[in-house]
């Protein structure tokens, strides 16, 4: 449950950054600066959802 809440928080922050960038720029042709937070959030949430690897001691 904690990972899901963390992912929601990340996406809320990303949406706020997108709104802030568009509000400051007042232009939509800054697609590169808009795409960076979306890509970073996607990579973070996908990396964060990886199952933990169990380390077995085979002695």
Protein backbone atom coordinates (compact mmCIF):
# COMPACT_ATOMS: atom_id res chain seq x y z
CA UNK A 1 0.00 0.00 0.00
CA UNK A 2 2.86 2.34 0.75
CA UNK A 3 4.27 2.00 -2.77
CA UNK A 4 0.88 2.88 -4.28
CA UNK A 5 0.60 6.02 -2.15
CA UNK A 6 4.17 6.92 -3.04
CA UNK A 7 3.40 6.54 -6.76
CA UNK A 8 0.32 8.74 -6.45
CA UNK A 9 2.39 11.39 -4.68
CA UNK A 10 4.99 11.30 -7.45
CA UNK A 11 2.37 11.76 -10.15
CA UNK A 12 0.66 14.60 -8.25
CA UNK A 13 4.01 16.38 -8.00
CA UNK A 14 4.62 15.83 -11.72
CA UNK A 15 1.22 17.27 -12.63
CA UNK A 16 1.90 20.28 -10.42
CA UNK A 17 5.27 20.79 -12.16
CA UNK A 18 3.59 20.56 -15.56
CA UNK A 19 1.02 23.15 -14.55
CA UNK A 20 3.74 25.39 -13.14
CA UNK A 21 5.90 25.15 -16.29
CA UNK A 22 2.97 25.93 -18.56
CA UNK A 23 1.83 28.75 -16.31
CA UNK A 24 5.27 30.41 -16.32
CA UNK A 25 5.99 29.84 -19.99
CA UNK A 26 2.48 30.65 -21.19
CA UNK A 27 3.33 28.56 -24.21
CA UNK A 28 2.88 24.92 -25.16
CA UNK A 29 5.87 24.69 -27.52
CA UNK A 30 8.19 23.81 -24.63
CA UNK A 31 7.37 20.12 -25.07
CA UNK A 32 10.89 19.04 -24.07
CA UNK A 33 10.62 20.61 -20.60
CA UNK A 34 7.14 19.17 -20.22
CA UNK A 35 8.23 15.67 -21.22
CA UNK A 36 11.17 15.42 -18.80
CA UNK A 37 9.11 15.22 -15.55
CA UNK A 38 6.67 12.76 -17.13
CA UNK A 39 9.46 10.46 -18.29
CA UNK A 40 11.24 10.72 -14.93
CA UNK A 41 8.06 9.88 -13.00
CA UNK A 42 7.31 6.94 -15.28
CA UNK A 43 10.81 5.52 -14.85
CA UNK A 44 10.68 6.06 -11.07
CA UNK A 45 7.31 4.38 -10.62
CA UNK A 46 8.27 1.44 -12.84
CA UNK A 47 11.61 0.99 -11.07
CA UNK A 48 9.95 1.34 -7.66
CA UNK A 49 7.41 -1.41 -8.44
CA UNK A 50 10.04 -4.07 -9.12
CA UNK A 51 9.75 -7.02 -6.75
CA UNK A 52 12.57 -7.38 -4.28
CA UNK A 53 15.08 -10.07 -5.09
CA UNK A 54 15.38 -12.73 -2.45
CA UNK A 55 18.92 -13.57 -1.51
CA UNK A 56 19.18 -17.22 -0.66
CA UNK A 57 22.08 -18.61 1.23
CA UNK A 58 22.85 -21.96 -0.40
CA UNK A 59 25.53 -23.22 1.95
